[in-house]
C-alpha atoms as a PDB file:
ATOM      1  CA  UNK A   1      -2.457   6.665 -20.358  1.00  0.00           C
ATOM      2  CA  UNK A   2      -3.370   7.432 -16.750  1.00  0.00           C
ATOM      3  CA  UNK A   3      -1.520   9.691 -14.315  1.00  0.00           C
ATOM      4  CA  UNK A   4      -0.659   7.736 -11.173  1.00  0.00           C
ATOM      5  CA  UNK A   5       0.993   8.920  -7.951  1.00  0.00           C
ATOM      6  CA  UNK A   6       2.885   6.205  -6.052  1.00  0.00           C
ATOM      7  CA  UNK A   7       4.079   6.969  -2.534  1.00  0.00           C
ATOM      8  CA  UNK A   8       6.820   4.666  -1.296  1.00  0.00           C
ATOM      9  CA  UNK A   9       7.722   3.690  -4.845  1.00  0.00           C
ATOM     10  CA  UNK A  10      11.242   2.540  -4.012  1.00  0.00           C
ATOM     11  CA  UNK A  11      10.246  -0.321  -1.716  1.00  0.00           C
ATOM     12  CA  UNK A  12       9.462  -3.885  -2.741  1.00  0.00           C
ATOM     13  CA  UNK A  13       5.737  -3.595  -3.449  1.00  0.00           C
ATOM     14  CA  UNK A  14       5.837   0.067  -4.484  1.00  0.00           C
ATOM     15  CA  UNK A  15       8.644  -0.574  -6.930  1.00  0.00           C
ATOM     16  CA  UNK A  16       6.836  -3.567  -8.445  1.00  0.00           C
ATOM     17  CA  UNK A  17       3.700  -1.474  -8.936  1.00  0.00           C
ATOM     18  CA  UNK A  18       5.718   1.352 -10.497  1.00  0.00           C
ATOM     19  CA  UNK A  19       7.487  -1.041 -12.871  1.00  0.00           C
ATOM     20  CA  UNK A  20       4.261  -2.717 -13.941  1.00  0.00           C
ATOM     21  CA  UNK A  21       2.493   0.591 -14.553  1.00  0.00           C
ATOM     22  CA  UNK A  22       5.502   2.019 -16.382  1.00  0.00           C
ATOM     23  CA  UNK A  23       5.611  -0.973 -18.710  1.00  0.00           C
ATOM     24  CA  UNK A  24       1.927  -0.495 -19.566  1.00  0.00           C
ATOM     25  CA  UNK A  25       2.501   3.135 -20.529  1.00  0.00           C
ATOM     26  CA  UNK A  26       1.150   5.131 -17.611  1.00  0.00           C
ATOM     27  CA  UNK A  27       2.590   8.468 -16.511  1.00  0.00           C
ATOM     28  CA  UNK A  28       4.006   8.128 -13.003  1.00  0.00           C
ATOM     29  CA  UNK A  29       4.678  10.597 -10.217  1.00  0.00           C
ATOM     30  CA  UNK A  30       6.841   8.988  -7.554  1.00  0.00           C
ATOM     31  CA  UNK A  31       7.654   9.746  -3.929  1.00  0.00           C
ATOM     32  CA  UNK A  32      10.526   7.632  -2.691  1.00  0.00           C
ATOM     33  CA  UNK A  33      13.451   7.829  -0.302  1.00  0.00           C
ATOM     34  CA  UNK A  34      15.304   5.569  -2.756  1.00  0.00           C
ATOM     35  CA  UNK A  35      15.040   7.412  -6.089  1.00  0.00           C
ATOM     36  CA  UNK A  36      18.161   5.692  -7.420  1.00  0.00           C
ATOM     37  CA  UNK A  37      16.208   2.413  -7.661  1.00  0.00           C
ATOM     38  CA  UNK A  38      13.690   3.996 -10.042  1.00  0.00           C
ATOM     39  CA  UNK A  39      15.901   5.675 -12.645  1.00  0.00           C
ATOM     40  CA  UNK A  40      15.112   2.981 -15.226  1.00  0.00           C
ATOM     41  CA  UNK A  41      11.386   3.740 -15.319  1.00  0.00           C
ATOM     42  CA  UNK A  42       9.782   5.371 -18.339  1.00  0.00           C
ATOM     43  CA  UNK A  43       7.401   8.344 -18.060  1.00  0.00           C
ATOM     44  CA  UNK A  44       8.286   8.847 -14.389  1.00  0.00           C
ATOM     45  CA  UNK A  45       8.723  12.091 -12.446  1.00  0.00           C
ATOM     46  CA  UNK A  46      10.306  12.145  -8.983  1.00  0.00           C
ATOM     47  CA  UNK A  47       8.605  14.417  -6.435  1.00  0.00           C
ATOM     48  CA  UNK A  48       9.558  15.731  -2.990  1.00  0.00           C
ATOM     49  CA  UNK A  49       9.584  12.601  -0.851  1.00  0.00           C
ATOM     50  CA  UNK A  50       9.607  14.266   2.572  1.00  0.00           C
ATOM     51  CA  UNK A  51       5.853  13.835   3.062  1.00  0.00           C
ATOM     52  CA  UNK A  52       6.146  13.084   6.787  1.00  0.00           C
ATOM     53  CA  UNK A  53       7.576  16.518   7.588  1.00  0.00           C
ATOM     54  CA  UNK A  54       5.207  19.034   9.186  1.00  0.00           C
ATOM     55  CA  UNK A  55       5.617  21.645   6.449  1.00  0.00           C
ATOM     56  CA  UNK A  56       5.099  19.306   3.460  1.00  0.00           C
ATOM     57  CA  UNK A  57       2.004  20.240   1.430  1.00  0.00           C
ATOM     58  CA  UNK A  58       2.449  18.346  -1.841  1.00  0.00           C
ATOM     59  CA  UNK A  59       3.013  21.560  -3.776  1.00  0.00           C
ATOM     60  CA  UNK A  60       4.674  19.731  -6.671  1.00  0.00           C
ATOM     61  CA  UNK A  61       1.708  17.437  -7.364  1.00  0.00           C
ATOM     62  CA  UNK A  62       0.297  17.623 -10.900  1.00  0.00           C
ATOM     63  CA  UNK A  63      -3.023  19.372 -11.472  1.00  0.00           C
ATOM     64  CA  UNK A  64      -4.774  16.095 -12.243  1.00  0.00           C
ATOM     65  CA  UNK A  65      -4.321  12.536 -11.005  1.00  0.00           C
ATOM     66  CA  UNK A  66      -6.156   9.417 -12.120  1.00  0.00           C
ATOM     67  CA  UNK A  67      -4.789   7.217  -9.358  1.00  0.00           C
ATOM     68  CA  UNK A  68      -2.911   7.189  -6.079  1.00  0.00           C
ATOM     69  CA  UNK A  69      -1.167   4.323  -4.273  1.00  0.00           C
ATOM     70  CA  UNK A  70       0.141   4.681  -0.730  1.00  0.00           C
ATOM     71  CA  UNK A  71       2.682   1.911  -0.081  1.00  0.00           C
ATOM     72  CA  UNK A  72       4.691   2.817   3.051  1.00  0.00           C
ATOM     73  CA  UNK A  73       4.220   0.350   5.877  1.00  0.00           C
ATOM     74  CA  UNK A  74       5.764  -1.303   8.903  1.00  0.00           C
ATOM     75  CA  UNK A  75       6.390  -4.799  10.216  1.00  0.00           C
ATOM     76  CA  UNK A  76       6.831  -4.312  13.938  1.00  0.00           C
ATOM     77  CA  UNK A  77       6.305  -7.791  15.388  1.00  0.00           C
ATOM     78  CA  UNK A  78       6.773  -8.019  19.145  1.00  0.00           C
ATOM     79  CA  UNK A  79       4.855  -9.371  22.134  1.00  0.00           C
ATOM     80  CA  UNK A  80       2.307  -6.852  23.351  1.00  0.00           C
ATOM     81  CA  UNK A  81       4.054  -6.591  26.728  1.00  0.00           C
ATOM     82  CA  UNK A  82       7.243  -5.455  24.955  1.00  0.00           C
ATOM     83  CA  UNK A  83       5.590  -2.686  22.951  1.00  0.00           C
ATOM     84  CA  UNK A  84       5.628   0.799  24.400  1.00  0.00           C
ATOM     85  CA  UNK A  85       3.073   3.435  23.369  1.00  0.00           C
ATOM     86  CA  UNK A  86       5.773   5.056  21.232  1.00  0.00           C
ATOM     87  CA  UNK A  87       5.836   1.971  18.997  1.00  0.00           C
ATOM     88  CA  UNK A  88       2.097   2.229  18.390  1.00  0.00           C
ATOM     89  CA  UNK A  89       2.448   5.933  17.637  1.00  0.00           C
ATOM     90  CA  UNK A  90       5.294   5.302  15.180  1.00  0.00           C
ATOM     91  CA  UNK A  91       3.311   2.654  13.277  1.00  0.00           C
ATOM     92  CA  UNK A  92       0.240   4.903  13.237  1.00  0.00           C
ATOM     93  CA  UNK A  93       2.251   7.852  11.922  1.00  0.00           C
ATOM     94  CA  UNK A  94       3.588   5.893   8.946  1.00  0.00           C
ATOM     95  CA  UNK A  95       0.528   3.828   8.106  1.00  0.00           C
ATOM     96  CA  UNK A  96      -2.273   6.296   8.814  1.00  0.00           C
ATOM     97  CA  UNK A  97      -1.100   9.887   9.265  1.00  0.00           C
ATOM     98  CA  UNK A  98       1.209   9.676   6.256  1.00  0.00           C
ATOM     99  CA  UNK A  99      -1.668   8.405   4.132  1.00  0.00           C
ATOM    100  CA  UNK A 100      -3.966  11.134   5.458  1.00  0.00           C
ATOM    101  CA  UNK A 101      -1.459  13.858   4.564  1.00  0.00           C
ATOM    102  CA  UNK A 102      -0.946  12.542   1.036  1.00  0.00           C
ATOM    103  CA  UNK A 103      -4.662  12.041   0.420  1.00  0.00           C
ATOM    104  CA  UNK A 104      -5.531  15.532   1.612  1.00  0.00           C
ATOM    105  CA  UNK A 105      -2.795  17.051  -0.541  1.00  0.00           C
ATOM    106  CA  UNK A 106      -3.886  15.040  -3.606  1.00  0.00           C
ATOM    107  CA  UNK A 107      -7.648  15.400  -3.262  1.00  0.00           C
ATOM    108  CA  UNK A 108      -8.045  18.330  -5.666  1.00  0.00           C
ATOM    109  CA  UNK A 109      -5.952  16.612  -8.344  1.00  0.00           C
ATOM    110  CA  UNK A 110      -7.817  13.317  -7.899  1.00  0.00           C
ATOM    111  CA  UNK A 111     -11.200  15.029  -8.139  1.00  0.00           C
ATOM    112  CA  UNK A 112     -10.083  16.522 -11.461  1.00  0.00           C
ATOM    113  CA  UNK A 113      -8.902  13.145 -12.761  1.00  0.00           C
ATOM    114  CA  UNK A 114     -10.469  10.574 -15.039  1.00  0.00           C
ATOM    115  CA  UNK A 115     -12.262   7.822 -13.057  1.00  0.00           C
ATOM    116  CA  UNK A 116      -9.813   8.346 -10.176  1.00  0.00           C
ATOM    117  CA  UNK A 117      -8.893   5.449  -7.907  1.00  0.00           C
ATOM    118  CA  UNK A 118      -7.029   5.242  -4.592  1.00  0.00           C
ATOM    119  CA  UNK A 119      -5.292   2.088  -3.345  1.00  0.00           C
ATOM    120  CA  UNK A 120      -4.167   1.761   0.266  1.00  0.00           C
ATOM    121  CA  UNK A 121      -2.540  -1.167   2.059  1.00  0.00           C
ATOM    122  CA  UNK A 122      -3.569  -3.157   5.105  1.00  0.00           C
ATOM    123  CA  UNK A 123      -2.487  -6.624   6.280  1.00  0.00           C
ATOM    124  CA  UNK A 124      -4.023 -10.065   6.618  1.00  0.00           C
ATOM    125  CA  UNK A 125      -3.445  -9.699  10.365  1.00  0.00           C
ATOM    126  CA  UNK A 126      -6.434  -7.348  10.631  1.00  0.00           C
ATOM    127  CA  UNK A 127      -8.911  -9.973   9.426  1.00  0.00           C
ATOM    128  CA  UNK A 128      -7.175 -12.891  11.133  1.00  0.00           C
ATOM    129  CA  UNK A 129      -5.794 -12.325  14.609  1.00  0.00           C
ATOM    130  CA  UNK A 130      -2.096 -13.111  14.818  1.00  0.00           C
ATOM    131  CA  UNK A 131       0.248 -13.135  17.778  1.00  0.00           C
ATOM    132  CA  UNK A 132       2.810 -10.315  17.980  1.00  0.00           C
ATOM    133  CA  UNK A 133       0.920  -8.178  15.417  1.00  0.00           C
ATOM    134  CA  UNK A 134      -0.939  -5.841  17.797  1.00  0.00           C
ATOM    135  CA  UNK A 135       0.809  -2.620  16.773  1.00  0.00           C
ATOM    136  CA  UNK A 136       0.801  -3.062  13.003  1.00  0.00           C
ATOM    137  CA  UNK A 137      -2.691  -4.596  12.989  1.00  0.00           C
ATOM    138  CA  UNK A 138      -4.084  -1.691  15.013  1.00  0.00           C
ATOM    139  CA  UNK A 139      -2.751   0.903  12.578  1.00  0.00           C
ATOM    140  CA  UNK A 140      -3.719  -1.076   9.485  1.00  0.00           C
ATOM    141  CA  UNK A 141      -7.253  -1.561  10.845  1.00  0.00           C
ATOM    142  CA  UNK A 142      -7.390   2.235  10.987  1.00  0.00           C
ATOM    143  CA  UNK A 143      -6.363   2.325   7.314  1.00  0.00           C
ATOM    144  CA  UNK A 144      -9.310   0.066   6.455  1.00  0.00           C
ATOM    145  CA  UNK A 145     -11.675   2.318   8.398  1.00  0.00           C
ATOM    146  CA  UNK A 146     -10.263   5.400   6.694  1.00  0.00           C
ATOM    147  CA  UNK A 147     -10.719   3.826   3.265  1.00  0.00           C
ATOM    148  CA  UNK A 148     -14.361   2.923   3.879  1.00  0.00           C
ATOM    149  CA  UNK A 149     -15.130   6.400   5.176  1.00  0.00           C
ATOM    150  CA  UNK A 150     -13.462   8.066   2.182  1.00  0.00           C
ATOM    151  CA  UNK A 151     -15.131   5.664  -0.251  1.00  0.00           C
ATOM    152  CA  UNK A 152     -18.464   6.974   1.055  1.00  0.00           C
ATOM    153  CA  UNK A 153     -17.451  10.624   1.294  1.00  0.00           C
ATOM    154  CA  UNK A 154     -15.728  10.781  -2.084  1.00  0.00           C
ATOM    155  CA  UNK A 155     -18.301   8.772  -4.048  1.00  0.00           C
ATOM    156  CA  UNK A 156     -19.231   8.779  -6.842  1.00  0.00           C
ATOM    157  CA  UNK A 157     -16.124  10.567  -8.162  1.00  0.00           C
ATOM    158  CA  UNK A 158     -13.178   8.874  -6.423  1.00  0.00           C
ATOM    159  CA  UNK A 159     -12.968   5.163  -5.642  1.00  0.00           C
ATOM    160  CA  UNK A 160     -11.025   4.003  -2.570  1.00  0.00           C
ATOM    161  CA  UNK A 161      -9.991   0.397  -1.938  1.00  0.00           C
ATOM    162  CA  UNK A 162      -7.517  -1.519   0.209  1.00  0.00           C
ATOM    163  CA  UNK A 163      -5.256  -4.485  -0.497  1.00  0.00           C
ATOM    164  CA  UNK A 164      -4.506  -6.702   2.499  1.00  0.00           C
ATOM    165  CA  UNK A 165      -1.511  -8.923   1.700  1.00  0.00           C
ATOM    166  CA  UNK A 166      -0.076 -11.748   3.718  1.00  0.00           C
ATOM    167  CA  UNK A 167       3.688 -12.212   4.033  1.00  0.00           C
ATOM    168  CA  UNK A 168       5.338 -11.098   0.789  1.00  0.00           C
ATOM    169  CA  UNK A 169       8.950 -11.421  -0.313  1.00  0.00           C
ATOM    170  CA  UNK A 170      10.110  -7.822   0.133  1.00  0.00           C
ATOM    171  CA  UNK A 171      13.101  -6.132   1.810  1.00  0.00           C
ATOM    172  CA  UNK A 172      10.763  -5.158   4.670  1.00  0.00           C
ATOM    173  CA  UNK A 173      10.056  -8.841   5.337  1.00  0.00           C
ATOM    174  CA  UNK A 174      13.657 -10.003   4.965  1.00  0.00           C
ATOM    175  CA  UNK A 175      14.081 -10.819   8.658  1.00  0.00           C
ATOM    176  CA  UNK A 176      11.069 -13.126   8.512  1.00  0.00           C
ATOM    177  CA  UNK A 177      12.370 -14.923   5.418  1.00  0.00           C
ATOM    178  CA  UNK A 178      16.058 -15.014   6.240  1.00  0.00           C
ATOM    179  CA  UNK A 179      16.593 -18.709   5.583  1.00  0.00           C
ATOM    180  CA  UNK A 180      15.100 -21.482   3.421  1.00  0.00           C
ATOM    181  CA  UNK A 181      13.661 -23.029   6.595  1.00  0.00           C
ATOM    182  CA  UNK A 182      11.872 -19.825   7.569  1.00  0.00           C
ATOM    183  CA  UNK A 183      10.525 -19.369   4.051  1.00  0.00           C
ATOM    184  CA  UNK A 184       9.267 -22.958   3.910  1.00  0.00           C
ATOM    185  CA  UNK A 185       7.573 -22.674   7.299  1.00  0.00           C
ATOM    186  CA  UNK A 186       5.868 -19.437   6.239  1.00  0.00           C
ATOM    187  CA  UNK A 187       4.734 -20.952   2.945  1.00  0.00           C
ATOM    188  CA  UNK A 188       3.144 -23.932   4.702  1.00  0.00           C
ATOM    189  CA  UNK A 189       0.885 -21.631   6.737  1.00  0.00           C
ATOM    190  CA  UNK A 190      -0.881 -20.562   3.548  1.00  0.00           C
ATOM    191  CA  UNK A 191      -3.472 -22.700   1.753  1.00  0.00           C
ATOM    192  CA  UNK A 192      -1.687 -22.039  -1.548  1.00  0.00           C
ATOM    193  CA  UNK A 193       1.582 -23.218   0.018  1.00  0.00           C
ATOM    194  CA  UNK A 194       3.795 -20.276  -0.881  1.00  0.00           C
ATOM    195  CA  UNK A 195       4.533 -16.764   0.284  1.00  0.00           C
ATOM    196  CA  UNK A 196       3.502 -13.779  -1.770  1.00  0.00           C
ATOM    197  CA  UNK A 197       5.494 -12.250  -4.605  1.00  0.00           C
ATOM    198  CA  UNK A 198       5.552  -8.533  -5.270  1.00  0.00           C
ATOM    199  CA  UNK A 199       4.081  -9.254  -8.704  1.00  0.00           C
ATOM    200  CA  UNK A 200       0.983 -10.726  -6.999  1.00  0.00           C
ATOM    201  CA  UNK A 201       0.361  -7.489  -5.159  1.00  0.00           C
ATOM    202  CA  UNK A 202       1.253  -5.270  -8.119  1.00  0.00           C
ATOM    203  CA  UNK A 203      -1.273  -7.085 -10.317  1.00  0.00           C
ATOM    204  CA  UNK A 204      -4.057  -6.448  -7.800  1.00  0.00           C
ATOM    205  CA  UNK A 205      -3.097  -2.781  -7.456  1.00  0.00           C
ATOM    206  CA  UNK A 206      -2.971  -2.308 -11.230  1.00  0.00           C
ATOM    207  CA  UNK A 207      -6.456  -3.768 -11.530  1.00  0.00           C
ATOM    208  CA  UNK A 208      -7.883  -1.510  -8.824  1.00  0.00           C
ATOM    209  CA  UNK A 209      -6.276   1.539 -10.450  1.00  0.00           C
ATOM    210  CA  UNK A 210      -7.735   0.687 -13.840  1.00  0.00           C
ATOM    211  CA  UNK A 211     -11.201   1.419 -15.193  1.00  0.00           C
ATOM    212  CA  UNK A 212     -11.787  -2.344 -15.264  1.00  0.00           C
ATOM    213  CA  UNK A 213     -12.557  -2.012 -11.549  1.00  0.00           C
ATOM    214  CA  UNK A 214     -14.862   0.989 -11.995  1.00  0.00           C
ATOM    215  CA  UNK A 215     -17.693  -0.616  -9.961  1.00  0.00           C
ATOM    216  CA  UNK A 216     -15.503  -1.480  -6.956  1.00  0.00           C
ATOM    217  CA  UNK A 217     -15.067   0.852  -3.985  1.00  0.00           C
ATOM    218  CA  UNK A 218     -14.884   0.603  -0.216  1.00  0.00           C
ATOM    219  CA  UNK A 219     -13.443  -2.905  -0.376  1.00  0.00           C
ATOM    220  CA  UNK A 220     -10.588  -4.632   1.405  1.00  0.00           C
ATOM    221  CA  UNK A 221      -9.251  -7.298  -0.924  1.00  0.00           C
ATOM    222  CA  UNK A 222      -7.115 -10.061   0.515  1.00  0.00           C
ATOM    223  CA  UNK A 223      -4.115 -11.048  -1.599  1.00  0.00           C
ATOM    224  CA  UNK A 224      -2.927 -13.558   0.931  1.00  0.00           C
ATOM    225  CA  UNK A 225      -2.696 -17.079  -0.473  1.00  0.00           C
ATOM    226  CA  UNK A 226      -6.075 -17.861   1.096  1.00  0.00           C
ATOM    227  CA  UNK A 227      -4.837 -17.342   4.652  1.00  0.00           C
ATOM    228  CA  UNK A 228      -7.656 -15.052   5.790  1.00  0.00           C
ATOM    229  CA  UNK A 229     -10.510 -17.179   4.425  1.00  0.00           C
ATOM    230  CA  UNK A 230      -9.460 -20.818   4.054  1.00  0.00           C
ATOM    231  CA  UNK A 231      -8.568 -23.279   6.815  1.00  0.00           C
ATOM    232  CA  UNK A 232      -6.569 -26.331   5.854  1.00  0.00           C
END
């Protein structure tokens, strides 16, 4: 049984990861603004979720951690001309600075863990340029750069990898999938002809957190229905 910290565990992808890891017997430490959605989980401890505040230090983290997943993200899709600098700063704060704060607070516990593994999240829009994605793609590209730097700096003890999903059926993406027509149009853009499910992403995260992936670090793995690599 591994000790795993999940930040943003109440959202679509974070919740799916937490549920999958709970079912396989891991001990979970959860940061979530929606703790009521996680009360059914086994072996789960809720921690102080206010990690974006200036005085948060992660004091209630356990002494050892075998894995960490940072799930918070944004979908801020607008034309570049309509985005003010504040929008870029807001996306960067959530996607990058939040991850930095959690990783710094958890470093000691991760270093003491058993084959520790970190999983961060990017987006397919970093690898494949997409209209209206400039703000989120800029901050997620920074996440990929952070992960590669930490994979080098923290080797050989702590592995750091990134999952880059395409559009996934989550509450965050609800506006993009608000009708059968929108969902069908989105599915047709992908070589595998469907949008992502949270279980697709959770399976990839579970693998990267496990010792089965012990020779993988510094990677960005696309879980995107082939969108980033295959042209129909």
